[in-house]
Amino acid sequence: MTEAKHVDECRDVYDFLDEVRLRPGMFIRGGSLLELQSMLYGFRVASAIYGPQPVLDFEHEGPFTKWLWPRLSVVP
């Protein structure tokens, strides 16, 4: 099992997602996938404004959303 680390030690959003997986209650209220999606969309917006290159995986029609919708029983 991977040892949890401080969020400042994350190299990218995927490292952060590993931290969420290890300690979901610390990052996501009630383990809500909708909350996680909202957080990742916020990350995308911030990376577009402040980062050198946005991570597009979390766009509305992106790979993360297509993974998430079936788990929430949402029909696009």
Protein backbone atom coordinates (compact mmCIF):
# COMPACT_ATOMS: atom_id res chain seq x y z
CA MET A 1 0.00 0.00 0.00
CA THR A 2 1.21 3.48 -0.85
CA GLU A 3 1.88 5.75 2.10
CA ALA A 4 -0.17 8.93 2.23
CA LYS A 5 1.74 12.15 1.59
CA HIS A 6 1.02 15.83 1.96
CA VAL A 7 -0.81 17.41 -0.98
CA ASP A 8 2.16 19.78 -1.49
CA GLU A 9 4.21 16.72 -2.46
CA CYS A 10 1.91 15.85 -5.39
CA ARG A 11 3.55 16.31 -8.78
CA ASP A 12 0.33 16.47 -10.77
CA VAL A 13 -3.43 15.92 -10.56
CA TYR A 14 -2.99 12.16 -10.83
CA ASP A 15 -0.81 12.12 -7.71
CA PHE A 16 -3.56 14.11 -6.02
CA LEU A 17 -6.17 11.56 -7.14
CA ASP A 18 -4.04 8.84 -5.52
CA GLU A 19 -4.19 10.82 -2.28
CA VAL A 20 -7.98 11.11 -2.62
CA ARG A 21 -8.16 7.35 -3.13
CA LEU A 22 -6.10 6.75 0.01
CA ARG A 23 -8.02 9.25 2.17
CA PRO A 24 -11.34 10.10 0.49
CA GLY A 25 -12.96 11.47 3.64
CA MET A 26 -10.24 14.06 3.96
CA PHE A 27 -10.85 15.57 0.53
CA ILE A 28 -14.45 14.79 -0.47
CA ARG A 29 -17.51 15.39 1.68
CA GLY A 30 -19.51 12.20 2.05
CA GLY A 31 -17.44 10.41 -0.60
CA SER A 32 -19.50 12.17 -3.29
CA LEU A 33 -18.34 11.58 -6.85
CA LEU A 34 -20.17 14.77 -7.85
CA GLU A 35 -18.05 16.66 -5.34
CA LEU A 36 -14.91 15.10 -6.82
CA GLN A 37 -15.99 16.05 -10.32
CA SER A 38 -16.61 19.63 -9.20
CA MET A 39 -13.18 19.80 -7.54
CA LEU A 40 -11.48 18.49 -10.67
CA TYR A 41 -13.32 20.97 -12.87
CA GLY A 42 -12.08 23.72 -10.55
CA PHE A 43 -8.57 22.34 -10.97
CA ARG A 44 -8.98 22.48 -14.74
CA VAL A 45 -10.09 26.12 -14.60
CA ALA A 46 -7.21 27.07 -12.31
CA SER A 47 -4.69 25.24 -14.50
CA ALA A 48 -6.01 27.07 -17.57
CA ILE A 49 -5.54 30.42 -15.82
CA TYR A 50 -2.34 29.83 -13.85
CA GLY A 51 -0.71 26.71 -15.21
CA PRO A 52 1.46 26.29 -18.26
CA GLN A 53 -0.93 23.76 -19.80
CA PRO A 54 -4.44 22.76 -18.68
CA VAL A 55 -5.30 19.16 -17.94
CA LEU A 56 -8.23 18.47 -20.28
CA ASP A 57 -9.15 15.02 -18.91
CA PHE A 58 -11.73 16.64 -16.63
CA GLU A 59 -13.65 18.62 -19.27
CA HIS A 60 -17.43 18.21 -19.34
CA GLU A 61 -17.24 15.58 -22.10
CA GLY A 62 -13.75 14.38 -21.16
CA PRO A 63 -12.52 10.93 -20.13
CA PHE A 64 -13.16 11.44 -16.40
CA THR A 65 -16.78 12.49 -16.97
CA LYS A 66 -17.38 9.51 -19.26
CA TRP A 67 -16.02 7.28 -16.49
CA LEU A 68 -18.06 9.07 -13.81
CA TRP A 69 -21.52 9.27 -15.41
CA PRO A 70 -22.25 5.52 -15.50
CA ARG A 71 -21.26 5.25 -11.84
CA LEU A 72 -23.80 7.96 -10.99
CA SER A 73 -26.46 6.46 -13.30
CA VAL A 74 -26.49 9.69 -15.31
CA VAL A 75 -27.52 9.55 -18.95
CA PRO A 76 -25.65 12.16 -21.04
